Amino acid sequence: MLAVLFAVGTAVNYWANENDGFCVASTNQASPAGGASCTPATLAPYGPALYSLETFLPAADFGQRKAFVPNQNVFSGQLVFNYSVIQRILAWIFGLLLALAPTNVLRRE
């Protein structure tokens, strides 16, 4: 299940990057017109698998989440943001279950 969650996250991040769903964090600025302007991540060294892995593992820091942010002005960016929240929650749940598995705490008696 963890591998499927990671693979789907990588696919969503790849699709979003192809559809301008990510911005380079240092260029994500509010514009006077009310929107935001940013440099698309397609112009920078972005790795969808590393972004997914960094979202998936609570203690991981590969620099992807600091360097690239979802572009909330497009559908693909909103999808990535929402999926990242779901992926992080499920990763914590499955990670805790995986940590508890060897202790037999979850065993039915």
PDB file of N, CA and C in Angstrom:
ATOM      1  N   MET A   1       0.818  -1.196   0.000  1.00  0.00           N
ATOM      2  CA  MET A   1       0.000   0.000   0.000  1.00  0.00           C
ATOM      3  C   MET A   1       0.863   1.262   0.000  1.00  0.00           C
ATOM      4  N   LEU A   2       1.961   1.224   0.745  1.00  0.00           N
ATOM      5  CA  LEU A   2       2.849   2.381   0.784  1.00  0.00           C
ATOM      6  C   LEU A   2       3.466   2.652  -0.583  1.00  0.00           C
ATOM      7  N   ALA A   3       3.829   1.591  -1.295  1.00  0.00           N
ATOM      8  CA  ALA A   3       4.413   1.745  -2.626  1.00  0.00           C
ATOM      9  C   ALA A   3       3.400   2.335  -3.609  1.00  0.00           C
ATOM     10  N   VAL A   4       2.148   1.929  -3.504  1.00  0.00           N
ATOM     11  CA  VAL A   4       1.097   2.455  -4.374  1.00  0.00           C
ATOM     12  C   VAL A   4       0.886   3.940  -4.092  1.00  0.00           C
ATOM     13  N   LEU A   5       0.853   4.306  -2.824  1.00  0.00           N
ATOM     14  CA  LEU A   5       0.687   5.704  -2.437  1.00  0.00           C
ATOM     15  C   LEU A   5       1.827   6.566  -2.976  1.00  0.00           C
ATOM     16  N   PHE A   6       3.042   6.059  -2.887  1.00  0.00           N
ATOM     17  CA  PHE A   6       4.209   6.773  -3.420  1.00  0.00           C
ATOM     18  C   PHE A   6       4.136   6.875  -4.947  1.00  0.00           C
ATOM     19  N   ALA A   7       3.762   5.790  -5.621  1.00  0.00           N
ATOM     20  CA  ALA A   7       3.686   5.787  -7.087  1.00  0.00           C
ATOM     21  C   ALA A   7       2.607   6.741  -7.596  1.00  0.00           C
ATOM     22  N   VAL A   8       1.458   6.745  -6.955  1.00  0.00           N
ATOM     23  CA  VAL A   8       0.394   7.665  -7.363  1.00  0.00           C
ATOM     24  C   VAL A   8       0.837   9.112  -7.133  1.00  0.00           C
ATOM     25  N   GLY A   9       1.505   9.360  -6.010  1.00  0.00           N
ATOM     26  CA  GLY A   9       2.017  10.703  -5.734  1.00  0.00           C
ATOM     27  C   GLY A   9       3.015  11.161  -6.787  1.00  0.00           C
ATOM     28  N   THR A  10       3.885  10.266  -7.200  1.00  0.00           N
ATOM     29  CA  THR A  10       4.859  10.595  -8.243  1.00  0.00           C
ATOM     30  C   THR A  10       4.151  10.912  -9.554  1.00  0.00           C
ATOM     31  N   ALA A  11       3.140  10.126  -9.908  1.00  0.00           N
ATOM     32  CA  ALA A  11       2.390  10.362 -11.149  1.00  0.00           C
ATOM     33  C   ALA A  11       1.633  11.684 -11.096  1.00  0.00           C
ATOM     34  N   VAL A  12       1.005  11.988  -9.969  1.00  0.00           N
ATOM     35  CA  VAL A  12       0.277  13.257  -9.823  1.00  0.00           C
ATOM     36  C   VAL A  12       1.245  14.431  -9.923  1.00  0.00           C
ATOM     37  N   ASN A  13       2.391  14.322  -9.264  1.00  0.00           N
ATOM     38  CA  ASN A  13       3.378  15.406  -9.308  1.00  0.00           C
ATOM     39  C   ASN A  13       3.949  15.595 -10.711  1.00  0.00           C
ATOM     40  N   TYR A  14       4.189  14.495 -11.417  1.00  0.00           N
ATOM     41  CA  TYR A  14       4.699  14.582 -12.787  1.00  0.00           C
ATOM     42  C   TYR A  14       3.671  15.268 -13.690  1.00  0.00           C
ATOM     43  N   TRP A  15       2.405  14.843 -13.581  1.00  0.00           N
ATOM     44  CA  TRP A  15       1.339  15.432 -14.397  1.00  0.00           C
ATOM     45  C   TRP A  15       1.188  16.915 -14.092  1.00  0.00           C
ATOM     46  N   ALA A  16       1.211  17.261 -12.810  1.00  0.00           N
ATOM     47  CA  ALA A  16       1.053  18.663 -12.428  1.00  0.00           C
ATOM     48  C   ALA A  16       2.222  19.508 -12.938  1.00  0.00           C
ATOM     49  N   ASN A  17       3.416  18.968 -12.893  1.00  0.00           N
ATOM     50  CA  ASN A  17       4.568  19.714 -13.384  1.00  0.00           C
ATOM     51  C   ASN A  17       4.458  19.972 -14.880  1.00  0.00           C
ATOM     52  N   GLU A  18       3.945  19.008 -15.623  1.00  0.00           N
ATOM     53  CA  GLU A  18       3.760  19.192 -17.064  1.00  0.00           C
ATOM     54  C   GLU A  18       2.673  20.222 -17.369  1.00  0.00           C
ATOM     55  N   ASN A  19       1.774  20.471 -16.408  1.00  0.00           N
ATOM     56  CA  ASN A  19       0.676  21.420 -16.601  1.00  0.00           C
ATOM     57  C   ASN A  19       0.847  22.676 -15.756  1.00  0.00           C
ATOM     58  N   ASP A  20       2.093  23.064 -15.517  1.00  0.00           N
ATOM     59  CA  ASP A  20       2.434  24.284 -14.765  1.00  0.00           C
ATOM     60  C   ASP A  20       1.823  24.322 -13.376  1.00  0.00           C
ATOM     61  N   GLY A  21       1.786  23.182 -12.715  1.00  0.00           N
ATOM     62  CA  GLY A  21       1.214  23.096 -11.373  1.00  0.00           C
ATOM     63  C   GLY A  21       2.186  23.450 -10.264  1.00  0.00           C
ATOM     64  N   PHE A  22       3.461  23.618 -10.592  1.00  0.00           N
ATOM     65  CA  PHE A  22       4.467  23.966  -9.592  1.00  0.00           C
ATOM     66  C   PHE A  22       5.151  25.265  -9.973  1.00  0.00           C
ATOM     67  N   CYS A  23       5.534  26.020  -8.952  1.00  0.00           N
ATOM     68  CA  CYS A  23       6.304  27.248  -9.132  1.00  0.00           C
ATOM     69  C   CYS A  23       7.623  27.105  -8.397  1.00  0.00           C
ATOM     70  N   VAL A  24       8.625  27.793  -8.877  1.00  0.00           N
ATOM     71  CA  VAL A  24       9.865  27.910  -8.130  1.00  0.00           C
ATOM     72  C   VAL A  24       9.551  28.812  -6.942  1.00  0.00           C
ATOM     73  N   ALA A  25       9.806  28.344  -5.730  1.00  0.00           N
ATOM     74  CA  ALA A  25       9.366  29.035  -4.513  1.00  0.00           C
ATOM     75  C   ALA A  25       9.875  30.464  -4.428  1.00  0.00           C
ATOM     76  N   SER A  26      11.084  30.707  -4.857  1.00  0.00           N
ATOM     77  CA  SER A  26      11.648  32.054  -4.740  1.00  0.00           C
ATOM     78  C   SER A  26      10.991  33.056  -5.686  1.00  0.00           C
ATOM     79  N   THR A  27      10.252  32.588  -6.697  1.00  0.00           N
ATOM     80  CA  THR A  27       9.604  33.499  -7.644  1.00  0.00           C
ATOM     81  C   THR A  27       8.103  33.592  -7.420  1.00  0.00           C
ATOM     82  N   ASN A  28       7.578  32.902  -6.425  1.00  0.00           N
ATOM     83  CA  ASN A  28       6.135  32.898  -6.162  1.00  0.00           C
ATOM     84  C   ASN A  28       5.789  34.155  -5.368  1.00  0.00           C
ATOM     85  N   GLN A  29       5.286  35.173  -6.072  1.00  0.00           N
ATOM     86  CA  GLN A  29       4.980  36.449  -5.439  1.00  0.00           C
ATOM     87  C   GLN A  29       3.589  36.890  -5.823  1.00  0.00           C
ATOM     88  N   ALA A  30       2.922  37.573  -4.899  1.00  0.00           N
ATOM     89  CA  ALA A  30       1.602  38.112  -5.184  1.00  0.00           C
ATOM     90  C   ALA A  30       1.741  39.285  -6.142  1.00  0.00           C
ATOM     91  N   SER A  31       0.824  39.371  -7.094  1.00  0.00           N
ATOM     92  CA  SER A  31       0.855  40.483  -8.038  1.00  0.00           C
ATOM     93  C   SER A  31      -0.204  41.505  -7.645  1.00  0.00           C
ATOM     94  N   PRO A  32      -0.059  42.746  -8.057  1.00  0.00           N
ATOM     95  CA  PRO A  32      -1.038  43.770  -7.702  1.00  0.00           C
ATOM     96  C   PRO A  32      -2.436  43.476  -8.237  1.00  0.00           C
ATOM     97  N   ALA A  33      -2.533  42.678  -9.289  1.00  0.00           N
ATOM     98  CA  ALA A  33      -3.837  42.356  -9.879  1.00  0.00           C
ATOM     99  C   ALA A  33      -4.622  41.346  -9.047  1.00  0.00           C
ATOM    100  N   GLY A  34      -4.032  40.825  -7.978  1.00  0.00           N
ATOM    101  CA  GLY A  34      -4.744  39.893  -7.120  1.00  0.00           C
ATOM    102  C   GLY A  34      -4.317  38.457  -7.287  1.00  0.00           C
ATOM    103  N   GLY A  35      -3.652  38.118  -8.353  1.00  0.00           N
ATOM    104  CA  GLY A  35      -3.191  36.751  -8.567  1.00  0.00           C
ATOM    105  C   GLY A  35      -1.771  36.583  -8.070  1.00  0.00           C
ATOM    106  N   ALA A  36      -1.112  35.612  -8.580  1.00  0.00           N
ATOM    107  CA  ALA A  36       0.288  35.400  -8.224  1.00  0.00           C
ATOM    108  C   ALA A  36       1.070  35.112  -9.495  1.00  0.00           C
ATOM    109  N   SER A  37       2.295  35.545  -9.499  1.00  0.00           N
ATOM    110  CA  SER A  37       3.149  35.263 -10.644  1.00  0.00           C
ATOM    111  C   SER A  37       4.287  34.372 -10.176  1.00  0.00           C
ATOM    112  N   CYS A  38       4.690  33.471 -11.031  1.00  0.00           N
ATOM    113  CA  CYS A  38       5.769  32.578 -10.647  1.00  0.00           C
ATOM    114  C   CYS A  38       6.442  32.019 -11.886  1.00  0.00           C
ATOM    115  N   THR A  39       7.650  31.495 -11.661  1.00  0.00           N
ATOM    116  CA  THR A  39       8.370  30.796 -12.715  1.00  0.00           C
ATOM    117  C   THR A  39       7.987  29.326 -12.637  1.00  0.00           C
ATOM    118  N   PRO A  40       7.490  28.733 -13.728  1.00  0.00           N
ATOM    119  CA  PRO A  40       7.108  27.312 -13.679  1.00  0.00           C
ATOM    120  C   PRO A  40       8.292  26.414 -13.343  1.00  0.00           C
ATOM    121  N   ALA A  41       8.021  25.340 -12.633  1.00  0.00           N
ATOM    122  CA  ALA A  41       9.074  24.407 -12.218  1.00  0.00           C
ATOM    123  C   ALA A  41       9.646  23.636 -13.402  1.00  0.00           C
ATOM    124  N   THR A  42       8.974  23.685 -14.548  1.00  0.00           N
ATOM    125  CA  THR A  42       9.499  22.983 -15.720  1.00  0.00           C
ATOM    126  C   THR A  42      10.800  23.611 -16.190  1.00  0.00           C
ATOM    127  N   LEU A  43      11.083  24.837 -15.762  1.00  0.00           N
ATOM    128  CA  LEU A  43      12.302  25.528 -16.149  1.00  0.00           C
ATOM    129  C   LEU A  43      13.434  25.304 -15.143  1.00  0.00           C
ATOM    130  N   ALA A  44      13.186  24.518 -14.111  1.00  0.00           N
ATOM    131  CA  ALA A  44      14.175  24.285 -13.055  1.00  0.00           C
ATOM    132  C   ALA A  44      14.333  22.775 -12.843  1.00  0.00           C
ATOM    133  N   PRO A  45      15.371  22.354 -12.130  1.00  0.00           N
ATOM    134  CA  PRO A  45      15.583  20.916 -11.883  1.00  0.00           C
ATOM    135  C   PRO A  45      14.620  20.369 -10.833  1.00  0.00           C
ATOM    136  N   TYR A  46      13.436  19.998 -11.273  1.00  0.00           N
ATOM    137  CA  TYR A  46      12.391  19.487 -10.389  1.00  0.00           C
ATOM    138  C   TYR A  46      12.301  17.976 -10.546  1.00  0.00           C
ATOM    139  N   GLY A  47      12.153  17.255  -9.426  1.00  0.00           N
ATOM    140  CA  GLY A  47      12.030  15.803  -9.468  1.00  0.00           C
ATOM    141  C   GLY A  47      10.719  15.345  -8.843  1.00  0.00           C
ATOM    142  N   PRO A  48       9.749  14.894  -9.651  1.00  0.00           N
ATOM    143  CA  PRO A  48       8.458  14.477  -9.107  1.00  0.00           C
ATOM    144  C   PRO A  48       8.572  13.350  -8.082  1.00  0.00           C
ATOM    145  N   ALA A  49       9.464  12.393  -8.308  1.00  0.00           N
ATOM    146  CA  ALA A  49       9.609  11.278  -7.364  1.00  0.00           C
ATOM    147  C   ALA A  49      10.200  11.764  -6.040  1.00  0.00           C
ATOM    148  N   LEU A  50      11.182  12.655  -6.104  1.00  0.00           N
ATOM    149  CA  LEU A  50      11.761  13.186  -4.876  1.00  0.00           C
ATOM    150  C   LEU A  50      10.756  14.033  -4.108  1.00  0.00           C
ATOM    151  N   TYR A  51       9.940  14.814  -4.824  1.00  0.00           N
ATOM    152  CA  TYR A  51       8.905  15.617  -4.173  1.00  0.00           C
ATOM    153  C   TYR A  51       7.895  14.706  -3.485  1.00  0.00           C
ATOM    154  N   SER A  52       7.501  13.643  -4.159  1.00  0.00           N
ATOM    155  CA  SER A  52       6.555  12.690  -3.582  1.00  0.00           C
ATOM    156  C   SER A  52       7.153  11.996  -2.361  1.00  0.00           C
ATOM    157  N   LEU A  53       8.411  11.598  -2.465  1.00  0.00           N
ATOM    158  CA  LEU A  53       9.078  10.925  -1.352  1.00  0.00           C
ATOM    159  C   LEU A  53       9.242  11.868  -0.164  1.00  0.00           C
ATOM    160  N   GLU A  54       9.550  13.117  -0.434  1.00  0.00           N
ATOM    161  CA  GLU A  54       9.693  14.086   0.650  1.00  0.00           C
ATOM    162  C   GLU A  54       8.352  14.371   1.320  1.00  0.00           C
ATOM    163  N   THR A  55       7.280  14.375   0.549  1.00  0.00           N
ATOM    164  CA  THR A  55       5.945  14.541   1.122  1.00  0.00           C
ATOM    165  C   THR A  55       5.552  13.303   1.920  1.00  0.00           C
ATOM    166  N   PHE A  56       5.959  12.162   1.415  1.00  0.00           N
ATOM    167  CA  PHE A  56       5.576  10.872   1.988  1.00  0.00           C
ATOM    168  C   PHE A  56       6.294  10.559   3.299  1.00  0.00           C
ATOM    169  N   LEU A  57       7.576  10.883   3.386  1.00  0.00           N
ATOM    170  CA  LEU A  57       8.357  10.592   4.586  1.00  0.00           C
ATOM    171  C   LEU A  57       8.412  11.831   5.473  1.00  0.00           C
ATOM    172  N   PRO A  58       7.921  11.734   6.698  1.00  0.00           N
ATOM    173  CA  PRO A  58       7.826  12.913   7.560  1.00  0.00           C
ATOM    174  C   PRO A  58       9.169  13.587   7.847  1.00  0.00           C
ATOM    175  N   ALA A  59      10.238  12.835   7.962  1.00  0.00           N
ATOM    176  CA  ALA A  59      11.537  13.412   8.338  1.00  0.00           C
ATOM    177  C   ALA A  59      12.445  13.669   7.143  1.00  0.00           C
ATOM    178  N   ALA A  60      11.996  13.398   5.945  1.00  0.00           N
ATOM    179  CA  ALA A  60      12.844  13.552   4.757  1.00  0.00           C
ATOM    180  C   ALA A  60      12.978  15.019   4.367  1.00  0.00           C
ATOM    181  N   ASP A  61      14.159  15.367   3.886  1.00  0.00           N
ATOM    182  CA  ASP A  61      14.389  16.718   3.385  1.00  0.00           C
ATOM    183  C   ASP A  61      15.358  16.648   2.211  1.00  0.00           C
ATOM    184  N   PHE A  62      14.788  16.600   1.009  1.00  0.00           N
ATOM    185  CA  PHE A  62      15.587  16.563  -0.206  1.00  0.00           C
ATOM    186  C   PHE A  62      15.651  17.939  -0.868  1.00  0.00           C
ATOM    187  N   GLY A  63      15.006  18.931  -0.258  1.00  0.00           N
ATOM    188  CA  GLY A  63      15.021  20.291  -0.782  1.00  0.00           C
ATOM    189  C   GLY A  63      13.950  20.592  -1.809  1.00  0.00           C
ATOM    190  N   GLN A  64      13.150  19.606  -2.189  1.00  0.00           N
ATOM    191  CA  GLN A  64      12.134  19.813  -3.223  1.00  0.00           C
ATOM    192  C   GLN A  64      10.963  20.659  -2.711  1.00  0.00           C
ATOM    193  N   ARG A  65      10.500  20.396  -1.498  1.00  0.00           N
ATOM    194  CA  ARG A  65       9.352  21.132  -0.965  1.00  0.00           C
ATOM    195  C   ARG A  65       9.709  22.565  -0.619  1.00  0.00           C
ATOM    196  N   LYS A  66      11.001  22.823  -0.348  1.00  0.00           N
ATOM    197  CA  LYS A  66      11.438  24.195  -0.082  1.00  0.00           C
ATOM    198  C   LYS A  66      11.634  24.962  -1.387  1.00  0.00           C
ATOM    199  N   ALA A  67      12.038  24.271  -2.423  1.00  0.00           N
ATOM    200  CA  ALA A  67      12.357  24.927  -3.692  1.00  0.00           C
ATOM    201  C   ALA A  67      11.144  25.094  -4.604  1.00  0.00           C
ATOM    202  N   PHE A  68      10.155  24.198  -4.490  1.00  0.00           N
ATOM    203  CA  PHE A  68       9.000  24.226  -5.389  1.00  0.00           C
ATOM    204  C   PHE A  68       7.709  24.186  -4.588  1.00  0.00           C
ATOM    205  N   VAL A  69       6.757  25.016  -4.966  1.00  0.00           N
ATOM    206  CA  VAL A  69       5.462  25.077  -4.283  1.00  0.00           C
ATOM    207  C   VAL A  69       4.353  24.892  -5.319  1.00  0.00           C
ATOM    208  N   PRO A  70       3.217  24.294  -4.909  1.00  0.00           N
ATOM    209  CA  PRO A  70       2.102  24.161  -5.846  1.00  0.00           C
ATOM    210  C   PRO A  70       1.565  25.535  -6.252  1.00  0.00           C
ATOM    211  N   ASN A  71       1.272  25.678  -7.524  1.00  0.00           N
ATOM    212  CA  ASN A  71       0.700  26.914  -8.062  1.00  0.00           C
ATOM    213  C   ASN A  71      -0.806  26.867  -7.837  1.00  0.00           C
ATOM    214  N   GLN A  72      -1.293  27.603  -6.857  1.00  0.00           N
ATOM    215  CA  GLN A  72      -2.708  27.554  -6.479  1.00  0.00           C
ATOM    216  C   GLN A  72      -3.622  28.216  -7.505  1.00  0.00           C
ATOM    217  N   ASN A  73      -3.062  28.851  -8.524  1.00  0.00           N
ATOM    218  CA  ASN A  73      -3.882  29.531  -9.532  1.00  0.00           C
ATOM    219  C   ASN A  73      -4.343  28.620 -10.660  1.00  0.00           C
ATOM    220  N   VAL A  74      -3.845  27.393 -10.696  1.00  0.00           N
ATOM    221  CA  VAL A  74      -4.249  26.453 -11.737  1.00  0.00           C
ATOM    222  C   VAL A  74      -4.763  25.170 -11.077  1.00  0.00           C
ATOM    223  N   PHE A  75      -5.591  24.437 -11.812  1.00  0.00           N
ATOM    224  CA  PHE A  75      -6.195  23.220 -11.273  1.00  0.00           C
ATOM    225  C   PHE A  75      -5.151  22.196 -10.855  1.00  0.00           C
ATOM    226  N   SER A  76      -4.118  22.023 -11.666  1.00  0.00           N
ATOM    227  CA  SER A  76      -3.105  21.011 -11.346  1.00  0.00           C
ATOM    228  C   SER A  76      -2.375  21.341 -10.046  1.00  0.00           C
ATOM    229  N   GLY A  77      -2.148  22.603  -9.762  1.00  0.00           N
ATOM    230  CA  GLY A  77      -1.513  22.993  -8.509  1.00  0.00           C
ATOM    231  C   GLY A  77      -2.413  22.747  -7.314  1.00  0.00           C
ATOM    232  N   GLN A  78      -3.701  23.013  -7.470  1.00  0.00           N
ATOM    233  CA  GLN A  78      -4.652  22.746  -6.394  1.00  0.00           C
ATOM    234  C   GLN A  78      -4.753  21.254  -6.120  1.00  0.00           C
ATOM    235  N   LEU A  79      -4.733  20.455  -7.190  1.00  0.00           N
ATOM    236  CA  LEU A  79      -4.783  19.004  -7.041  1.00  0.00           C
ATOM    237  C   LEU A  79      -3.560  18.489  -6.291  1.00  0.00           C
ATOM    238  N   VAL A  80      -2.380  18.998  -6.646  1.00  0.00           N
ATOM    239  CA  VAL A  80      -1.154  18.582  -5.968  1.00  0.00           C
ATOM    240  C   VAL A  80      -1.206  18.958  -4.490  1.00  0.00           C
ATOM    241  N   PHE A  81      -1.661  20.157  -4.198  1.00  0.00           N
ATOM    242  CA  PHE A  81      -1.743  20.589  -2.802  1.00  0.00           C
ATOM    243  C   PHE A  81      -2.658  19.662  -2.007  1.00  0.00           C
ATOM    244  N   ASN A  82      -3.839  19.386  -2.536  1.00  0.00           N
ATOM    245  CA  ASN A  82      -4.797  18.514  -1.838  1.00  0.00           C
ATOM    246  C   ASN A  82      -4.278  17.088  -1.719  1.00  0.00           C
ATOM    247  N   TYR A  83      -3.677  16.567  -2.785  1.00  0.00           N
ATOM    248  CA  TYR A  83      -3.137  15.207  -2.717  1.00  0.00           C
ATOM    249  C   TYR A  83      -1.977  15.129  -1.737  1.00  0.00           C
ATOM    250  N   SER A  84      -1.164  16.161  -1.656  1.00  0.00           N
ATOM    251  CA  SER A  84      -0.042  16.163  -0.718  1.00  0.00           C
ATOM    252  C   SER A  84      -0.535  16.080   0.728  1.00  0.00           C
ATOM    253  N   VAL A  85      -1.625  16.763   1.028  1.00  0.00           N
ATOM    254  CA  VAL A  85      -2.196  16.694   2.378  1.00  0.00           C
ATOM    255  C   VAL A  85      -2.680  15.275   2.666  1.00  0.00           C
ATOM    256  N   ILE A  86      -3.406  14.693   1.724  1.00  0.00           N
ATOM    257  CA  ILE A  86      -3.905  13.328   1.893  1.00  0.00           C
ATOM    258  C   ILE A  86      -2.749  12.344   1.991  1.00  0.00           C
ATOM    259  N   GLN A  87      -1.740  12.511   1.143  1.00  0.00           N
ATOM    260  CA  GLN A  87      -0.587  11.613   1.148  1.00  0.00           C
ATOM    261  C   GLN A  87       0.158  11.689   2.474  1.00  0.00           C
ATOM    262  N   ARG A  88       0.314  12.870   3.028  1.00  0.00           N
ATOM    263  CA  ARG A  88       1.026  13.027   4.289  1.00  0.00           C
ATOM    264  C   ARG A  88       0.248  12.370   5.437  1.00  0.00           C
ATOM    265  N   ILE A  89      -1.060  12.546   5.461  1.00  0.00           N
ATOM    266  CA  ILE A  89      -1.878  11.927   6.511  1.00  0.00           C
ATOM    267  C   ILE A  89      -1.811  10.406   6.421  1.00  0.00           C
ATOM    268  N   LEU A  90      -1.995   9.865   5.219  1.00  0.00           N
ATOM    269  CA  LEU A  90      -1.944   8.410   5.045  1.00  0.00           C
ATOM    270  C   LEU A  90      -0.554   7.855   5.337  1.00  0.00           C
ATOM    271  N   ALA A  91       0.481   8.601   5.005  1.00  0.00           N
ATOM    272  CA  ALA A  91       1.844   8.153   5.299  1.00  0.00           C
ATOM    273  C   ALA A  91       2.066   8.051   6.801  1.00  0.00           C
ATOM    274  N   TRP A  92       1.558   9.001   7.560  1.00  0.00           N
ATOM    275  CA  TRP A  92       1.685   8.927   9.026  1.00  0.00           C
ATOM    276  C   TRP A  92       0.926   7.722   9.567  1.00  0.00           C
ATOM    277  N   ILE A  93      -0.291   7.502   9.074  1.00  0.00           N
ATOM    278  CA  ILE A  93      -1.100   6.368   9.564  1.00  0.00           C
ATOM    279  C   ILE A  93      -0.424   5.044   9.237  1.00  0.00           C
ATOM    280  N   PHE A  94      -0.051   4.850   7.966  1.00  0.00           N
ATOM    281  CA  PHE A  94       0.577   3.583   7.574  1.00  0.00           C
ATOM    282  C   PHE A  94       1.955   3.410   8.197  1.00  0.00           C
ATOM    283  N   GLY A  95       2.664   4.500   8.375  1.00  0.00           N
ATOM    284  CA  GLY A  95       3.969   4.420   9.031  1.00  0.00           C
ATOM    285  C   GLY A  95       3.851   3.980  10.484  1.00  0.00           C
ATOM    286  N   LEU A  96       2.863   4.506  11.190  1.00  0.00           N
ATOM    287  CA  LEU A  96       2.639   4.086  12.576  1.00  0.00           C
ATOM    288  C   LEU A  96       2.201   2.623  12.643  1.00  0.00           C
ATOM    289  N   LEU A  97       1.335   2.209  11.724  1.00  0.00           N
ATOM    290  CA  LEU A  97       0.920   0.808  11.699  1.00  0.00           C
ATOM    291  C   LEU A  97       2.101  -0.112  11.397  1.00  0.00           C
ATOM    292  N   LEU A  98       2.967   0.321  10.497  1.00  0.00           N
ATOM    293  CA  LEU A  98       4.150  -0.468  10.166  1.00  0.00           C
ATOM    294  C   LEU A  98       5.102  -0.550  11.366  1.00  0.00           C
ATOM    295  N   ALA A  99       5.215   0.530  12.111  1.00  0.00           N
ATOM    296  CA  ALA A  99       6.079   0.523  13.294  1.00  0.00           C
ATOM    297  C   ALA A  99       5.498  -0.349  14.404  1.00  0.00           C
ATOM    298  N   LEU A 100       4.177  -0.405  14.491  1.00  0.00           N
ATOM    299  CA  LEU A 100       3.532  -1.201  15.534  1.00  0.00           C
ATOM    300  C   LEU A 100       3.442  -2.688  15.188  1.00  0.00           C
ATOM    301  N   ALA A 101       3.559  -3.027  13.930  1.00  0.00           N
ATOM    302  CA  ALA A 101       3.391  -4.417  13.498  1.00  0.00           C
ATOM    303  C   ALA A 101       4.310  -5.396  14.219  1.00  0.00           C
ATOM    304  N   PRO A 102       5.600  -5.133  14.397  1.00  0.00           N
ATOM    305  CA  PRO A 102       6.460  -6.118  15.072  1.00  0.00           C
ATOM    306  C   PRO A 102       6.196  -6.238  16.577  1.00  0.00           C
ATOM    307  N   THR A 103       5.494  -5.287  17.155  1.00  0.00           N
ATOM    308  CA  THR A 103       5.273  -5.322  18.606  1.00  0.00           C
ATOM    309  C   THR A 103       4.068  -6.161  19.004  1.00  0.00           C
ATOM    310  N   ASN A 104       3.316  -6.630  18.044  1.00  0.00           N
ATOM    311  CA  ASN A 104       2.101  -7.429  18.279  1.00  0.00           C
ATOM    312  C   ASN A 104       1.010  -6.645  19.022  1.00  0.00           C
ATOM    313  N   VAL A 105       1.059  -5.356  19.011  1.00  0.00           N
ATOM    314  CA  VAL A 105       0.032  -4.535  19.652  1.00  0.00           C
ATOM    315  C   VAL A 105      -1.288  -4.672  18.906  1.00  0.00           C
ATOM    316  N   LEU A 106      -1.216  -4.854  17.603  1.00  0.00           N
ATOM    317  CA  LEU A 106      -2.419  -4.917  16.792  1.00  0.00           C
ATOM    318  C   LEU A 106      -3.002  -6.322  16.665  1.00  0.00           C
ATOM    319  N   ARG A 107      -2.416  -7.267  17.350  1.00  0.00           N
ATOM    320  CA  ARG A 107      -2.856  -8.659  17.225  1.00  0.00           C
ATOM    321  C   ARG A 107      -4.196  -8.863  17.932  1.00  0.00           C
ATOM    322  N   ARG A 108      -5.076  -9.543  17.279  1.00  0.00           N
ATOM    323  CA  ARG A 108      -6.380  -9.865  17.844  1.00  0.00           C
ATOM    324  C   ARG A 108      -6.232 -11.105  18.735  1.00  0.00           C
ATOM    325  N   GLU A 109      -6.831 -11.059  19.880  1.00  0.00           N
ATOM    326  CA  GLU A 109      -6.716 -12.192  20.815  1.00  0.00           C
ATOM    327  C   GLU A 109      -8.004 -12.951  20.931  1.00  0.00           C
TER     328      GLU A 109
END
